[in-house]
């Protein structure tokens, strides 16, 4: 099985913590050079110091807000000059919890700007390099809500579904250029996002965080929350030559929680 990513350049979004950080480390272990992207310069520098590195690898970072589209485009294009990106990991923190019917127009607009529009900007910045390399891997880290909408995550459910449809469309458009587009759908994973959702649910339900966590685990056949490294392993596999014929799919990595077949 060919898992070697030596000579490949990966742009990993949301790379300063959680699943993004774990994905960057895993891709670097497979031999890729990594460009980390997130808002916090200090957190990016800390992650950069943790990346495995051989003599053939060069790692870098981009500090930018995904909602600042002009800066995002400029910085990503600058990072690809002379060093094409073959791997793009779209990974962005989810919108705040709450029902869809009470969400404001600006809540939806902000979520689409941060997720779908930012992803489109990065796609267009890296696509020439992928085509020139005849190798491209785009992996979107979204949510199991694209298979089964999650309660009290109205805006997130909506924008994640849009990302999944965008990816499926691109997978057909770009396959002939040697580019695959897939989605990884994390289940309950031990990250700051999960802690935030548990705290929000506990507050609205008048329960303790432990009660909410136990309730969540009751629906997970594996009986535990996932580790960020377990999600990262699937992301990294989809980026390798071994996964060249996996295209246009949404893979749940959730301990068996999602009951949908497709």
Protein backbone atom coordinates (compact mmCIF):
# COMPACT_ATOMS: atom_id res chain seq x y z
CA UNK A 1 0.00 0.00 0.00
CA UNK A 2 1.48 3.33 -1.09
CA UNK A 3 1.09 5.83 1.75
CA UNK A 4 4.15 7.91 0.85
CA UNK A 5 3.52 11.66 0.61
CA UNK A 6 7.16 12.69 0.16
CA UNK A 7 7.39 15.65 -2.19
CA UNK A 8 3.77 16.66 -1.59
CA UNK A 9 2.74 20.00 -0.08
CA UNK A 10 -0.30 20.05 2.19
CA UNK A 11 -2.26 23.13 3.25
CA UNK A 12 -4.09 22.30 6.49
CA UNK A 13 -6.74 24.70 7.78
CA UNK A 14 -7.66 25.04 11.43
CA UNK A 15 -4.28 23.50 12.13
CA UNK A 16 -3.49 25.08 15.48
CA UNK A 17 -5.61 22.68 17.54
CA UNK A 18 -7.87 19.64 17.53
CA UNK A 19 -8.44 17.66 14.34
CA UNK A 20 -6.55 20.11 12.13
CA UNK A 21 -3.44 19.90 14.29
CA UNK A 22 -3.64 16.11 14.40
CA UNK A 23 -4.08 15.94 10.61
CA UNK A 24 -1.03 18.13 10.05
CA UNK A 25 1.10 15.88 12.26
CA UNK A 26 -0.15 12.72 10.52
CA UNK A 27 0.47 14.11 7.04
CA UNK A 28 3.96 15.18 8.06
CA UNK A 29 4.62 11.64 9.33
CA UNK A 30 3.69 10.39 5.86
CA UNK A 31 6.36 12.70 4.40
CA UNK A 32 4.41 15.76 3.26
CA UNK A 33 5.59 19.32 3.72
CA UNK A 34 2.95 21.22 5.67
CA UNK A 35 1.63 24.76 5.60
CA UNK A 36 -0.50 25.35 8.68
CA UNK A 37 -3.36 27.85 8.52
CA UNK A 38 -5.24 29.37 11.47
CA UNK A 39 -5.80 32.73 13.15
CA UNK A 40 -3.36 32.60 16.06
CA UNK A 41 0.30 33.11 15.26
CA UNK A 42 1.39 31.83 18.67
CA UNK A 43 -0.64 28.61 18.37
CA UNK A 44 0.63 28.06 14.83
CA UNK A 45 4.24 28.41 15.94
CA UNK A 46 3.63 25.90 18.72
CA UNK A 47 2.13 23.39 16.28
CA UNK A 48 4.92 23.97 13.77
CA UNK A 49 7.46 22.97 16.42
CA UNK A 50 5.66 19.63 16.89
CA UNK A 51 5.65 18.57 13.23
CA UNK A 52 7.89 15.65 12.25
CA UNK A 53 10.50 16.87 9.79
CA UNK A 54 13.09 15.23 7.56
CA UNK A 55 15.70 16.92 5.41
CA UNK A 56 13.29 16.84 2.46
CA UNK A 57 10.43 18.56 4.30
CA UNK A 58 9.82 22.27 4.76
CA UNK A 59 6.99 23.45 7.01
CA UNK A 60 5.41 26.89 7.27
CA UNK A 61 2.31 28.65 8.58
CA UNK A 62 -0.24 31.28 7.56
CA UNK A 63 -2.00 33.39 10.19
CA UNK A 64 -5.29 34.64 8.74
CA UNK A 65 -8.99 34.87 9.59
CA UNK A 66 -11.10 32.70 7.27
CA UNK A 67 -13.68 35.49 7.11
CA UNK A 68 -11.13 37.97 5.73
CA UNK A 69 -11.45 36.73 2.18
CA UNK A 70 -9.10 39.21 0.52
CA UNK A 71 -6.29 38.41 2.97
CA UNK A 72 -7.04 34.69 2.73
CA UNK A 73 -6.74 34.67 -1.05
CA UNK A 74 -3.56 36.77 -1.04
CA UNK A 75 -1.80 34.71 1.61
CA UNK A 76 -2.70 31.33 0.14
CA UNK A 77 -1.67 32.42 -3.35
CA UNK A 78 1.65 33.70 -1.95
CA UNK A 79 2.24 30.38 -0.18
CA UNK A 80 1.78 28.47 -3.45
CA UNK A 81 4.25 30.55 -5.45
CA UNK A 82 7.00 28.15 -6.48
CA UNK A 83 5.59 25.50 -4.15
CA UNK A 84 2.29 24.12 -5.48
CA UNK A 85 -0.18 22.62 -3.02
CA UNK A 86 -1.24 19.05 -3.80
CA UNK A 87 -3.28 18.49 -0.62
CA UNK A 88 -5.94 20.81 0.81
CA UNK A 89 -7.59 20.05 4.16
CA UNK A 90 -10.63 22.24 4.72
CA UNK A 91 -11.23 22.27 8.45
CA UNK A 92 -13.03 25.12 10.22
CA UNK A 93 -14.72 25.41 13.59
CA UNK A 94 -18.48 25.00 13.52
CA UNK A 95 -21.07 27.74 14.03
CA UNK A 96 -22.63 28.30 17.47
CA UNK A 97 -25.33 25.92 18.62
CA UNK A 98 -29.01 26.80 18.34
CA UNK A 99 -32.14 25.95 16.32
CA UNK A 100 -32.39 26.97 12.68
CA UNK A 101 -35.65 28.87 13.04
CA UNK A 102 -34.26 31.38 15.55
CA UNK A 103 -30.94 31.98 13.76
CA UNK A 104 -30.44 35.41 12.27
CA UNK A 105 -29.66 36.07 8.62
CA UNK A 106 -26.18 37.20 9.62
CA UNK A 107 -25.62 33.90 11.43
CA UNK A 108 -26.18 32.00 8.19
CA UNK A 109 -24.20 34.51 6.14
CA UNK A 110 -21.22 34.34 8.51
CA UNK A 111 -21.24 30.53 8.48
CA UNK A 112 -21.32 30.36 4.69
CA UNK A 113 -18.51 32.94 4.46
CA UNK A 114 -16.34 31.03 6.91
CA UNK A 115 -16.93 27.61 5.38
CA UNK A 116 -18.13 27.44 1.79
CA UNK A 117 -16.86 30.77 0.46
CA UNK A 118 -13.46 30.42 2.15
CA UNK A 119 -13.16 26.87 0.79
CA UNK A 120 -13.94 28.09 -2.73
CA UNK A 121 -11.29 30.79 -2.45
CA UNK A 122 -8.65 28.29 -1.37
CA UNK A 123 -9.70 25.80 -4.04
CA UNK A 124 -9.17 28.36 -6.78
CA UNK A 125 -5.80 29.34 -5.30
CA UNK A 126 -4.42 25.79 -5.20
CA UNK A 127 -6.14 24.21 -8.20
CA UNK A 128 -3.56 25.29 -10.83
CA UNK A 129 -0.82 23.60 -8.82
CA UNK A 130 -2.84 20.41 -8.42
CA UNK A 131 -3.53 20.26 -12.14
CA UNK A 132 0.11 20.95 -12.93
CA UNK A 133 1.15 18.13 -10.61
CA UNK A 134 -1.56 15.78 -11.94
CA UNK A 135 -2.18 15.04 -8.27
CA UNK A 136 -4.68 16.57 -5.92
CA UNK A 137 -6.41 15.61 -2.71
CA UNK A 138 -9.12 17.80 -1.18
CA UNK A 139 -10.54 16.61 2.12
CA UNK A 140 -13.29 18.52 3.90
CA UNK A 141 -13.69 17.91 7.62
CA UNK A 142 -17.39 18.50 8.15
CA UNK A 143 -19.95 16.60 10.24
CA UNK A 144 -22.11 13.49 10.48
CA UNK A 145 -25.01 15.95 10.22
CA UNK A 146 -24.77 15.62 6.42
CA UNK A 147 -26.22 12.13 6.91
CA UNK A 148 -28.41 12.80 9.95
CA UNK A 149 -29.04 16.43 11.02
CA UNK A 150 -28.10 17.02 14.65
CA UNK A 151 -30.51 18.62 17.10
CA UNK A 152 -29.86 22.25 18.09
CA UNK A 153 -27.24 22.76 15.36
CA UNK A 154 -29.44 24.41 12.74
CA UNK A 155 -26.90 26.71 11.09
CA UNK A 156 -24.16 24.07 11.25
CA UNK A 157 -26.40 21.40 9.70
CA UNK A 158 -27.21 23.77 6.84
CA UNK A 159 -23.70 24.89 5.96
CA UNK A 160 -22.20 21.41 6.40
CA UNK A 161 -24.75 20.01 3.93
CA UNK A 162 -23.78 22.74 1.46
CA UNK A 163 -20.11 21.78 1.83
CA UNK A 164 -20.92 18.13 1.18
CA UNK A 165 -22.84 18.98 -1.98
CA UNK A 166 -20.03 21.30 -3.13
CA UNK A 167 -17.53 18.49 -2.63
CA UNK A 168 -19.63 15.93 -4.48
CA UNK A 169 -19.98 18.31 -7.42
CA UNK A 170 -16.25 19.03 -7.52
CA UNK A 171 -15.38 15.34 -7.34
CA UNK A 172 -16.99 14.82 -10.73
CA UNK A 173 -15.54 17.97 -12.26
CA UNK A 174 -11.92 17.39 -11.20
CA UNK A 175 -11.44 13.61 -11.31
CA UNK A 176 -9.98 13.58 -14.82
CA UNK A 177 -7.15 15.82 -13.57
CA UNK A 178 -6.09 13.28 -10.95
CA UNK A 179 -7.82 15.20 -8.16
CA UNK A 180 -10.12 13.59 -5.59
CA UNK A 181 -12.55 15.40 -3.30
CA UNK A 182 -13.86 13.65 -0.19
CA UNK A 183 -15.44 14.46 3.15
CA UNK A 184 -14.56 13.13 6.59
CA UNK A 185 -17.41 13.29 9.09
CA UNK A 186 -16.14 13.22 12.68
CA UNK A 187 -18.41 12.00 15.41
CA UNK A 188 -18.03 13.10 19.02
CA UNK A 189 -14.31 13.83 19.19
CA UNK A 190 -12.36 15.10 22.19
CA UNK A 191 -11.73 18.67 21.02
CA UNK A 192 -12.54 22.18 22.21
CA UNK A 193 -15.59 22.10 19.92
CA UNK A 194 -17.04 19.10 21.76
CA UNK A 195 -16.40 20.73 25.14
CA UNK A 196 -18.17 23.86 23.95
CA UNK A 197 -21.20 21.91 22.69
CA UNK A 198 -21.46 19.96 25.94
CA UNK A 199 -21.30 23.17 27.97
CA UNK A 200 -23.93 24.84 25.76
CA UNK A 201 -26.27 21.85 25.99
CA UNK A 202 -25.80 21.61 29.75
CA UNK A 203 -26.69 25.26 30.22
CA UNK A 204 -29.81 25.13 28.04
CA UNK A 205 -31.02 21.86 29.60
CA UNK A 206 -30.20 22.77 33.20
CA UNK A 207 -28.03 19.69 33.57
CA UNK A 208 -24.41 19.03 34.42
CA UNK A 209 -21.76 18.60 31.74
CA UNK A 210 -21.23 15.01 32.92
CA UNK A 211 -24.92 14.22 32.41
CA UNK A 212 -24.83 15.61 28.88
CA UNK A 213 -21.64 13.69 28.07
CA UNK A 214 -23.13 10.43 29.36
CA UNK A 215 -26.22 11.01 27.24
CA UNK A 216 -24.07 11.52 24.15
CA UNK A 217 -22.07 8.38 24.82
CA UNK A 218 -25.29 6.40 25.17
CA UNK A 219 -25.75 6.73 21.42
CA UNK A 220 -22.21 5.67 20.48
CA UNK A 221 -21.78 1.91 20.06
CA UNK A 222 -18.04 2.21 20.72
CA UNK A 223 -18.89 3.64 24.14
CA UNK A 224 -16.32 6.44 24.06
CA UNK A 225 -15.46 9.74 22.44
CA UNK A 226 -13.01 9.69 19.54
CA UNK A 227 -9.46 10.96 19.57
CA UNK A 228 -8.40 13.68 17.12
CA UNK A 229 -5.62 11.35 15.94
CA UNK A 230 -8.22 8.76 14.88
CA UNK A 231 -9.94 11.28 12.63
CA UNK A 232 -6.55 12.42 11.32
CA UNK A 233 -5.61 8.88 10.29
CA UNK A 234 -8.59 8.69 7.92
CA UNK A 235 -7.89 12.18 6.56
CA UNK A 236 -4.28 11.27 5.87
CA UNK A 237 -5.17 8.00 4.15
CA UNK A 238 -7.48 9.83 1.74
CA UNK A 239 -4.54 12.03 0.77
CA UNK A 240 -2.24 9.17 -0.21
CA UNK A 241 -1.71 7.48 -3.57
CA UNK A 242 -3.39 4.39 -2.11
CA UNK A 243 -6.71 6.28 -2.01
CA UNK A 244 -6.60 7.43 -5.64
CA UNK A 245 -9.89 5.69 -6.52
CA UNK A 246 -11.80 6.97 -3.48
CA UNK A 247 -13.65 10.02 -4.73
CA UNK A 248 -16.82 11.92 -3.86
CA UNK A 249 -17.58 10.07 -0.63
CA UNK A 250 -18.48 11.17 2.90
CA UNK A 251 -16.90 8.89 5.49
CA UNK A 252 -18.27 8.91 9.03
CA UNK A 253 -15.61 8.37 11.70
CA UNK A 254 -17.88 8.22 14.71
CA UNK A 255 -17.64 4.93 16.57
CA UNK A 256 -20.78 3.68 14.81
CA UNK A 257 -23.11 6.45 16.00
CA UNK A 258 -24.56 7.37 12.60
CA UNK A 259 -27.29 4.93 11.63
CA UNK A 260 -27.70 6.07 8.01
CA UNK A 261 -26.42 3.77 5.28
CA UNK A 262 -25.57 6.60 2.86
